Amino acid sequence: MDWYEDKIEVPIRKTVKLLRDNGFNTECSCGHKMYVQCQYINDSVIMELDNLLFNNDYRNYTITVKLSRLGGHLHNSYIDIQF
């Protein structure tokens, strides 16, 4: 069985596959609430993510970045995409 069919809910499956196929490590998603959470790596990733979504016909979404620093190190940082 296909990993996406087995693990990802139908309403968000296409989006998760698009993100993963283009180098974004998705950590969790929800088809009911229509969001995907990705690992945050650096600021240039935000523009790449926005361009990827826009160029694949997504028009209504919000990208939120959470950064936490503990003991001088980035910790629990992520990108949340709400559709």
Protein backbone atom coordinates (compact mmCIF):
# COMPACT_ATOMS: atom_id res chain seq x y z
CA MET A 1 0.00 0.00 0.00
CA ASP A 2 1.12 3.57 -0.71
CA TRP A 3 2.49 5.40 2.37
CA TYR A 4 0.45 8.53 1.61
CA GLU A 5 -2.79 6.54 1.29
CA ASP A 6 -2.10 4.69 4.52
CA LYS A 7 -0.90 7.60 6.70
CA ILE A 8 -2.29 10.90 5.31
CA GLU A 9 -5.94 11.98 5.33
CA VAL A 10 -7.50 12.45 1.88
CA PRO A 11 -8.28 16.21 2.04
CA ILE A 12 -4.62 17.12 2.76
CA ARG A 13 -2.81 14.21 1.04
CA LYS A 14 -2.03 16.02 -2.23
CA THR A 15 -0.55 18.97 -0.34
CA VAL A 16 1.62 16.79 1.92
CA LYS A 17 2.94 14.90 -1.10
CA LEU A 18 3.69 18.16 -2.94
CA LEU A 19 5.60 19.54 0.05
CA ARG A 20 7.58 16.32 0.68
CA ASP A 21 8.39 15.87 -3.02
CA ASN A 22 9.87 19.37 -2.97
CA GLY A 23 12.10 18.94 0.09
CA PHE A 24 9.85 20.11 2.93
CA ASN A 25 9.87 17.69 5.86
CA THR A 26 6.27 17.54 7.05
CA GLU A 27 5.87 16.57 10.70
CA CYS A 28 2.09 16.40 11.04
CA SER A 29 -1.07 17.28 9.14
CA CYS A 30 -4.82 17.27 9.55
CA GLY A 31 -7.36 16.93 6.77
CA HIS A 32 -10.22 18.05 9.02
CA LYS A 33 -8.55 21.29 10.13
CA MET A 34 -6.67 21.62 6.81
CA TYR A 35 -3.16 22.31 8.05
CA VAL A 36 0.35 20.96 7.59
CA GLN A 37 3.27 21.44 9.98
CA CYS A 38 6.81 21.36 8.54
CA GLN A 39 10.28 21.58 10.01
CA TYR A 40 11.70 25.10 9.98
CA ILE A 41 15.25 25.30 8.66
CA ASN A 42 15.96 28.91 7.66
CA ASP A 43 14.30 32.08 6.35
CA SER A 44 14.90 31.34 2.66
CA VAL A 45 12.65 28.28 3.04
CA ILE A 46 9.64 30.53 3.66
CA MET A 47 9.88 32.17 0.24
CA GLU A 48 10.45 28.78 -1.43
CA LEU A 49 7.39 27.40 0.36
CA ASP A 50 5.23 30.38 -0.61
CA ASN A 51 6.35 30.14 -4.25
CA LEU A 52 5.72 26.38 -4.32
CA LEU A 53 2.18 26.73 -2.99
CA PHE A 54 1.31 29.74 -5.16
CA ASN A 55 2.74 28.16 -8.31
CA ASN A 56 0.62 25.05 -7.63
CA ASP A 57 -2.63 27.05 -7.54
CA TYR A 58 -3.06 27.50 -3.79
CA ARG A 59 -4.44 30.99 -3.18
CA ASN A 60 -5.79 31.07 0.38
CA TYR A 61 -3.32 30.07 3.08
CA THR A 62 -1.39 31.43 6.03
CA ILE A 63 2.22 30.51 6.81
CA THR A 64 3.21 30.91 10.46
CA VAL A 65 6.76 30.36 11.73
CA LYS A 66 7.44 29.52 15.38
CA LEU A 67 10.97 29.93 16.71
CA SER A 68 11.98 28.98 20.23
CA ARG A 69 15.48 29.30 21.65
CA LEU A 70 16.52 27.36 24.74
CA GLY A 71 20.03 27.45 26.11
CA GLY A 72 21.18 29.29 23.00
CA HIS A 73 19.88 26.60 20.60
CA LEU A 74 16.82 26.60 18.36
CA HIS A 75 14.26 24.22 19.81
CA ASN A 76 10.75 23.20 18.66
CA SER A 77 10.86 25.47 15.64
CA TYR A 78 8.36 24.77 12.91
CA ILE A 79 6.33 26.12 10.00
CA ASP A 80 2.54 25.83 10.18
CA ILE A 81 0.49 26.15 6.98
CA GLN A 82 -3.25 26.76 7.35
CA PHE A 83 -5.50 26.38 4.30
